[in-house]
C-alpha cells in the first residue's frame, strides 16, 4: 500500500480532523486515570469495539500496579530508584499504546458519524499499515472477533521495540531478579473484579515474549466478554471510579481490607513523553498466522482464593525480610 500522500493534498475537512484527533488524544493521554476513562467511555458509545473495554480494564490493572509501588508493602522490599523505573516502564508502555490506538478509535468514530471510511488518515499518525488494513476489513465485514485480535496484535508490537526490547528497560527491568518473581509482584496477572467480590483473571508465564503477551490478550478478551461474566465486569467498571489504588476492587471483597495503596494522582506527577521513532512496526516484521488463532480458556479463571493466598505470601515474605534485617543489625 502506497503511503506517500502529502499533508497539503488533504481537504480542509481532513486537515481539521487530524488536528482535532491529535488534540483529543493528547488531552486523554495525560495519565493512567484519563486513559482508563477514555477507553471505557468510548466503549459505552461503541460497544462493537470490544478492544476499548479490554484496554480500559487492563489500564486499571496498570494503575493498581503503579500505586502498589508507593503503597504499604513494596517500599519495604524495592528501592526508590527501582520503583521509579518500574513506574516509568508501566507509564511509558501505556502512553505509547494510547498514543497509537486512540487516533484509530477516534477515526472509526468519525467514520461512523460521517458514514464514510476515514482510515486512509491513519498514515498521518504513523499508525501501521496492518492496522489500516484491519480497520478497513472490519468496516466491510463487521468481524468483531478479528478486530479485537488485530488490535491486541498491534498494541503488543507497538511496545515491543520502544519498551520491552529497549536498551534501558530490557536489561534493567525485564531481566532483573525482581522481575523474575512475577507471581509475587503481579507483573503478569491481569485481574477482572466484580462488585460482588469475585475476582477473575489470567497470567502469562513469559512477559518478555510477544507471542505470549498476544496469547494472554486474546484469552483476556474471551474472559472479559464471556456471556455469563461480562455483565458483572461491566457493572464494576460503570460503578467504580478509577483511582489507581488497588482498593478500587478490594473494597468489594467479602473480608475487610484497609486501603494500603495510594491514589495515583496523589502518588505520581504527570509525566511528559516524547516519540523517538514512528510506530509502524509492520514494516520490518511479518504477521504470524498463529496470532489470529483463537485460544481456549483455562479452567482456573476465578482467583478469589489465589488472590488472598498471594497477598498473605507477599506480606509474610516482607515480614521475614524485615525480621532478618533487624537480627543482622543486632549481631
Protein backbone atom coordinates (compact mmCIF):
# COMPACT_ATOMS: atom_id res chain seq x y z
CA UNK A 1 0.00 0.00 0.00
CA UNK A 2 1.45 3.32 -1.06
CA UNK A 3 1.51 5.88 1.78
CA UNK A 4 3.05 8.98 0.24
CA UNK A 5 0.05 11.33 0.28
CA UNK A 6 1.33 14.79 1.18
CA UNK A 7 -0.43 16.58 4.04
CA UNK A 8 -1.16 19.65 1.91
CA UNK A 9 -3.07 17.49 -0.56
CA UNK A 10 -5.72 16.80 2.06
CA UNK A 11 -9.01 18.63 2.11
CA UNK A 12 -9.60 21.31 4.75
CA UNK A 13 -12.01 18.92 6.48
CA UNK A 14 -9.34 16.20 6.68
CA UNK A 15 -6.69 18.60 7.95
CA UNK A 16 -9.02 19.92 10.65
CA UNK A 17 -10.00 16.38 11.62
CA UNK A 18 -6.34 15.39 12.04
CA UNK A 19 -5.80 18.39 14.33
CA UNK A 20 -8.90 17.50 16.33
CA UNK A 21 -7.84 13.88 16.77
CA UNK A 22 -4.35 14.96 17.87
CA UNK A 23 -5.84 17.39 20.40
CA UNK A 24 -8.22 14.83 21.88
CA UNK A 25 -5.54 12.14 22.03
CA UNK A 26 -3.13 14.43 23.83
CA UNK A 27 -5.87 15.52 26.26
CA UNK A 28 -6.86 11.99 27.25
CA UNK A 29 -3.31 10.59 27.29
CA UNK A 30 -2.47 12.66 30.38
CA UNK A 31 -2.13 9.78 32.84
CA UNK A 32 -3.41 6.31 33.70
CA UNK A 33 -6.72 7.62 35.07
CA UNK A 34 -7.58 9.69 31.99
CA UNK A 35 -6.66 6.81 29.69
CA UNK A 36 -8.85 4.37 31.61
CA UNK A 37 -11.82 6.76 31.49
CA UNK A 38 -11.32 7.46 27.79
CA UNK A 39 -11.26 3.77 26.84
CA UNK A 40 -14.31 2.91 28.93
CA UNK A 41 -16.33 5.94 27.80
CA UNK A 42 -15.52 5.11 24.19
CA UNK A 43 -16.81 1.56 24.69
CA UNK A 44 -20.07 2.95 26.08
CA UNK A 45 -20.54 4.76 22.76
CA UNK A 46 -19.20 1.98 20.52
CA UNK A 47 -19.87 -1.40 22.20
CA UNK A 48 -18.95 -3.12 18.95
CA UNK A 49 -15.31 -2.09 19.54
CA UNK A 50 -14.67 -4.57 22.32
CA UNK A 51 -10.94 -3.83 22.47
CA UNK A 52 -11.74 -0.46 24.05
CA UNK A 53 -13.28 -2.09 27.13
CA UNK A 54 -10.43 -4.60 27.32
CA UNK A 55 -7.95 -1.72 27.16
CA UNK A 56 -9.82 0.10 29.93
CA UNK A 57 -9.80 -2.89 32.27
CA UNK A 58 -6.13 -3.63 31.56
CA UNK A 59 -5.39 0.07 32.14
CA UNK A 60 -6.99 -0.26 35.58
CA UNK A 61 -4.57 -3.10 36.30
CA UNK A 62 -1.64 -0.91 35.26
CA UNK A 63 -2.84 1.77 37.66
CA UNK A 64 -3.11 -0.69 40.53
CA UNK A 65 0.40 -1.96 39.86
CA UNK A 66 1.75 1.59 39.70
CA UNK A 67 0.18 2.53 43.02
CA UNK A 68 1.38 -0.69 44.67
CA UNK A 69 4.90 0.62 44.20
CA UNK A 70 4.17 3.51 46.59
CA UNK A 71 1.88 1.59 48.93
CA UNK A 72 2.44 -0.01 52.31
CA UNK A 73 4.35 -3.08 51.16
CA UNK A 74 6.51 -2.57 48.08
CA UNK A 75 8.73 0.19 49.53
CA UNK A 76 9.83 -2.33 52.16
CA UNK A 77 11.48 -4.58 49.56
CA UNK A 78 12.04 -2.42 46.47
CA UNK A 79 14.46 0.51 46.31
CA UNK A 80 13.15 4.01 45.44
CA UNK A 81 15.16 4.02 42.20
CA UNK A 82 13.83 0.68 41.01
CA UNK A 83 10.26 1.60 41.96
CA UNK A 84 10.60 4.79 39.92
CA UNK A 85 11.87 2.87 36.90
CA UNK A 86 9.03 0.35 37.20
CA UNK A 87 6.51 3.19 37.28
CA UNK A 88 8.08 4.79 34.21
CA UNK A 89 8.01 1.41 32.45
CA UNK A 90 4.28 0.98 33.07
CA UNK A 91 3.59 4.61 32.19
CA UNK A 92 5.67 4.56 29.01
CA UNK A 93 4.09 1.37 27.68
CA UNK A 94 0.55 2.54 28.36
CA UNK A 95 1.21 6.01 26.97
CA UNK A 96 2.60 4.53 23.74
CA UNK A 97 -0.37 2.20 23.29
CA UNK A 98 -2.86 5.02 23.82
CA UNK A 99 -0.92 7.37 21.54
CA UNK A 100 -1.21 4.81 18.76
CA UNK A 101 -4.65 3.34 19.49
CA UNK A 102 -6.83 6.30 20.38
CA UNK A 103 -6.50 8.02 16.99
CA UNK A 104 -7.65 4.72 15.48
CA UNK A 105 -10.69 4.67 17.74
CA UNK A 106 -11.49 8.31 17.01
CA UNK A 107 -11.18 7.91 13.26
CA UNK A 108 -13.57 4.97 13.44
CA UNK A 109 -15.93 7.14 15.48
CA UNK A 110 -15.84 9.91 12.87
CA UNK A 111 -16.17 7.36 10.08
CA UNK A 112 -19.45 6.22 11.61
CA UNK A 113 -20.52 9.83 12.20
CA UNK A 114 -19.89 10.90 8.61
CA UNK A 115 -20.76 7.49 7.13
CA UNK A 116 -17.51 7.24 5.18
CA UNK A 117 -14.27 5.40 5.86
CA UNK A 118 -11.53 7.73 7.14
CA UNK A 119 -8.91 5.07 7.73
CA UNK A 120 -6.68 6.48 4.99
CA UNK A 121 -5.80 9.17 7.55
CA UNK A 122 -4.02 6.59 9.75
CA UNK A 123 -0.76 7.32 7.93
CA UNK A 124 -0.73 10.88 9.29
CA UNK A 125 -0.50 9.43 12.81
CA UNK A 126 2.29 6.95 11.96
CA UNK A 127 -0.15 4.08 12.52
CA UNK A 128 0.81 0.76 10.96
CA UNK A 129 -0.48 -0.33 7.56
CA UNK A 130 -1.53 -3.51 9.34
CA UNK A 131 -3.99 -1.52 11.46
CA UNK A 132 -5.32 0.41 8.48
CA UNK A 133 -5.98 -2.81 6.60
CA UNK A 134 -7.67 -4.45 9.60
CA UNK A 135 -9.98 -1.48 10.26
CA UNK A 136 -10.91 -1.38 6.58
CA UNK A 137 -11.68 -5.09 6.73
CA UNK A 138 -13.83 -4.54 9.82
CA UNK A 139 -15.64 -1.63 8.16
CA UNK A 140 -16.73 -4.02 5.41
CA UNK A 141 -17.13 -7.32 7.29
CA UNK A 142 -18.07 -6.26 10.87
CA UNK A 143 -15.99 -9.15 12.19
CA UNK A 144 -15.66 -8.05 15.83
CA UNK A 145 -13.59 -11.07 16.86
CA UNK A 146 -10.93 -10.45 14.21
CA UNK A 147 -10.73 -6.74 15.04
CA UNK A 148 -10.11 -7.27 18.73
CA UNK A 149 -7.38 -9.79 17.89
CA UNK A 150 -5.85 -7.37 15.40
CA UNK A 151 -5.78 -4.53 17.94
CA UNK A 152 -4.17 -6.83 20.52
CA UNK A 153 -1.52 -7.81 17.97
CA UNK A 154 -0.92 -4.16 17.13
CA UNK A 155 -0.65 -2.91 20.73
CA UNK A 156 1.91 -5.53 21.73
CA UNK A 157 4.01 -4.82 18.66
CA UNK A 158 3.80 -1.08 19.33
CA UNK A 159 5.56 -1.51 22.71
CA UNK A 160 7.91 -4.32 21.67
CA UNK A 161 10.87 -2.22 20.49
CA UNK A 162 10.37 1.06 22.45
CA UNK A 163 9.80 -0.68 25.81
CA UNK A 164 10.25 -4.45 26.02
CA UNK A 165 13.47 -4.53 23.94
CA UNK A 166 14.65 -1.02 24.76
CA UNK A 167 18.35 -0.75 25.61
CA UNK A 168 17.50 0.55 29.09
CA UNK A 169 14.23 -1.14 30.09
CA UNK A 170 15.19 -4.58 28.77
CA UNK A 171 18.25 -5.30 30.96
CA UNK A 172 17.31 -3.10 33.93
CA UNK A 173 13.67 -4.17 34.32
CA UNK A 174 12.78 -7.21 32.24
CA UNK A 175 15.92 -9.16 33.10
CA UNK A 176 16.17 -8.10 36.72
CA UNK A 177 15.98 -10.59 39.57
CA UNK A 178 12.91 -8.84 40.89
CA UNK A 179 11.05 -9.10 37.60
CA UNK A 180 11.57 -12.85 37.59
CA UNK A 181 9.37 -13.04 40.69
CA UNK A 182 6.37 -12.25 38.52
CA UNK A 183 3.91 -14.10 40.73
CA UNK A 184 4.96 -12.12 43.76
CA UNK A 185 4.83 -8.77 42.01
CA UNK A 186 1.70 -9.40 39.90
CA UNK A 187 3.52 -8.28 36.75
CA UNK A 188 1.89 -10.94 34.63
CA UNK A 189 -1.53 -11.37 36.23
CA UNK A 190 -4.43 -9.30 34.94
CA UNK A 191 -7.44 -9.17 37.26
CA UNK A 192 -11.07 -8.52 36.38
CA UNK A 193 -13.05 -7.76 39.58
CA UNK A 194 -16.77 -7.64 40.20
CA UNK A 195 -18.94 -5.68 42.63
CA UNK A 196 -19.92 -8.98 44.28
CA UNK A 197 -16.34 -9.51 45.45
CA UNK A 198 -15.40 -12.20 42.94
CA UNK A 199 -12.10 -11.80 41.09
CA UNK A 200 -11.27 -13.38 37.76
CA UNK A 201 -8.04 -13.24 35.82
CA UNK A 202 -5.24 -14.81 33.84
CA UNK A 203 -1.44 -14.82 33.85
CA UNK A 204 1.34 -15.08 31.30
CA UNK A 205 4.46 -17.13 32.03
CA UNK A 206 6.90 -15.16 29.86
CA UNK A 207 6.01 -11.48 29.70
CA UNK A 208 9.09 -10.70 27.60
CA UNK A 209 7.81 -12.91 24.77
CA UNK A 210 5.48 -11.09 22.38
CA UNK A 211 3.72 -14.30 21.33
CA UNK A 212 2.88 -14.99 24.98
CA UNK A 213 1.60 -11.45 25.54
CA UNK A 214 -0.61 -11.63 22.44
CA UNK A 215 -1.94 -15.00 23.57
CA UNK A 216 -2.71 -13.54 27.01
CA UNK A 217 -4.53 -10.60 25.43
CA UNK A 218 -6.72 -12.87 23.35
CA UNK A 219 -7.55 -15.06 26.36
CA UNK A 220 -8.36 -11.98 28.43
CA UNK A 221 -10.75 -10.81 25.73
CA UNK A 222 -12.53 -14.18 25.79
CA UNK A 223 -12.78 -14.00 29.59
CA UNK A 224 -13.94 -10.38 29.65
CA UNK A 225 -16.69 -10.97 27.09
CA UNK A 226 -17.83 -14.33 28.39
CA UNK A 227 -21.63 -14.01 28.12
CA UNK A 228 -22.17 -15.02 31.75
CA UNK A 229 -19.39 -12.86 33.23
CA UNK A 230 -19.39 -9.72 31.08
CA UNK A 231 -22.39 -8.06 32.81
CA UNK A 232 -20.60 -8.28 36.17
CA UNK A 233 -17.36 -6.84 34.78
CA UNK A 234 -19.20 -4.02 33.03
CA UNK A 235 -21.18 -3.21 36.16
CA UNK A 236 -17.90 -2.92 38.09
CA UNK A 237 -16.43 -0.56 35.51
CA UNK A 238 -19.55 1.60 35.31
CA UNK A 239 -19.95 1.91 39.08
CA UNK A 240 -16.30 2.14 40.17
CA UNK A 241 -14.39 5.36 39.60
CA UNK A 242 -10.76 4.51 38.71
CA UNK A 243 -8.32 5.95 41.26
CA UNK A 244 -5.30 3.74 40.58
CA UNK A 245 -5.50 2.28 44.07
CA UNK A 246 -5.98 -1.47 44.45
CA UNK A 247 -8.67 -0.54 46.93
CA UNK A 248 -10.90 0.12 43.88
CA UNK A 249 -11.75 -3.58 43.90
CA UNK A 250 -10.55 -4.71 47.32
CA UNK A 251 -13.41 -2.71 48.87
CA UNK A 252 -15.79 -5.25 47.32
CA UNK A 253 -14.05 -8.28 48.85
CA UNK A 254 -16.09 -10.27 51.40
CA UNK A 255 -13.36 -9.79 54.02
CA UNK A 256 -12.32 -6.37 55.29
CA UNK A 257 -9.37 -4.73 53.55
CA UNK A 258 -7.89 -1.41 54.61
CA UNK A 259 -6.59 0.85 51.87
CA UNK A 260 -2.85 0.23 51.72
CA UNK A 261 -2.09 1.76 48.30
CA UNK A 262 -2.37 5.47 47.49
CA UNK A 263 -4.44 7.28 44.88
CA UNK A 264 -2.50 7.54 41.64
CA UNK A 265 -2.83 11.30 41.20
CA UNK A 266 -1.52 11.84 44.74
CA UNK A 267 1.35 9.38 44.36
CA UNK A 268 2.64 10.46 40.93
CA UNK A 269 3.07 13.61 38.84
CA UNK A 270 2.02 13.86 35.21
CA UNK A 271 4.83 12.54 33.01
CA UNK A 272 5.79 14.23 29.74
CA UNK A 273 6.61 11.78 26.95
CA UNK A 274 8.20 12.13 23.54
CA UNK A 275 8.31 9.90 20.48
CA UNK A 276 11.75 8.86 19.28
CA UNK A 277 10.58 6.93 16.23
CA UNK A 278 7.38 6.10 14.37
CA UNK A 279 5.30 3.11 15.43
CA UNK A 280 5.00 1.44 12.04
CA UNK A 281 6.35 -1.84 13.34
CA UNK A 282 4.92 -3.91 10.47
CA UNK A 283 7.47 -2.54 8.00
CA UNK A 284 10.11 -4.91 9.40
CA UNK A 285 8.06 -7.73 10.86
CA UNK A 286 5.85 -10.40 9.35
CA UNK A 287 2.37 -11.13 10.68
CA UNK A 288 2.27 -14.62 12.18
CA UNK A 289 -0.79 -16.72 11.35
CA UNK A 290 -0.95 -18.05 14.91
CA UNK A 291 -1.57 -14.54 16.19
CA UNK A 292 -5.10 -14.81 14.79
CA UNK A 293 -5.87 -18.29 16.13
CA UNK A 294 -8.50 -18.32 18.88
CA UNK A 295 -7.14 -19.82 22.12
CA UNK A 296 -9.07 -21.71 24.77
CA UNK A 297 -9.52 -20.50 28.32
CA UNK A 298 -8.00 -22.44 31.23
CA UNK A 299 -10.37 -23.88 33.81
CA UNK A 300 -8.97 -21.78 36.68
CA UNK A 301 -10.24 -18.27 35.94
CA UNK A 302 -11.81 -17.39 39.30
CA UNK A 303 -8.97 -16.19 41.50
CA UNK A 304 -10.60 -15.37 44.85
CA UNK A 305 -8.59 -17.91 46.85
CA UNK A 306 -5.45 -17.35 44.77
CA UNK A 307 -5.56 -13.61 45.37
CA UNK A 308 -5.92 -13.90 49.15
CA UNK A 309 -3.17 -16.53 49.29
CA UNK A 310 -0.78 -14.40 47.20
CA UNK A 311 -1.36 -11.37 49.38
CA UNK A 312 -0.61 -13.39 52.52
CA UNK A 313 2.54 -14.88 50.94
CA UNK A 314 3.79 -11.46 49.90
CA UNK A 315 3.21 -9.96 53.33
CA UNK A 316 4.87 -12.94 55.04
CA UNK A 317 7.91 -12.58 52.77
CA UNK A 318 8.21 -8.90 53.64
CA UNK A 319 7.83 -9.50 57.37
CA UNK A 320 10.50 -12.21 57.18
CA UNK A 321 12.88 -9.90 55.33
CA UNK A 322 12.36 -7.17 57.93
CA UNK A 323 12.93 -9.62 60.79
CA UNK A 324 16.18 -10.90 59.27
CA UNK A 325 17.33 -7.32 58.72
CA UNK A 326 16.70 -6.48 62.40
CA UNK A 327 18.58 -9.58 63.54
CA UNK A 328 21.59 -8.67 61.39
CA UNK A 329 21.67 -5.19 62.89
CA UNK A 330 21.69 -6.68 66.40
CA UNK A 331 24.55 -9.12 65.74
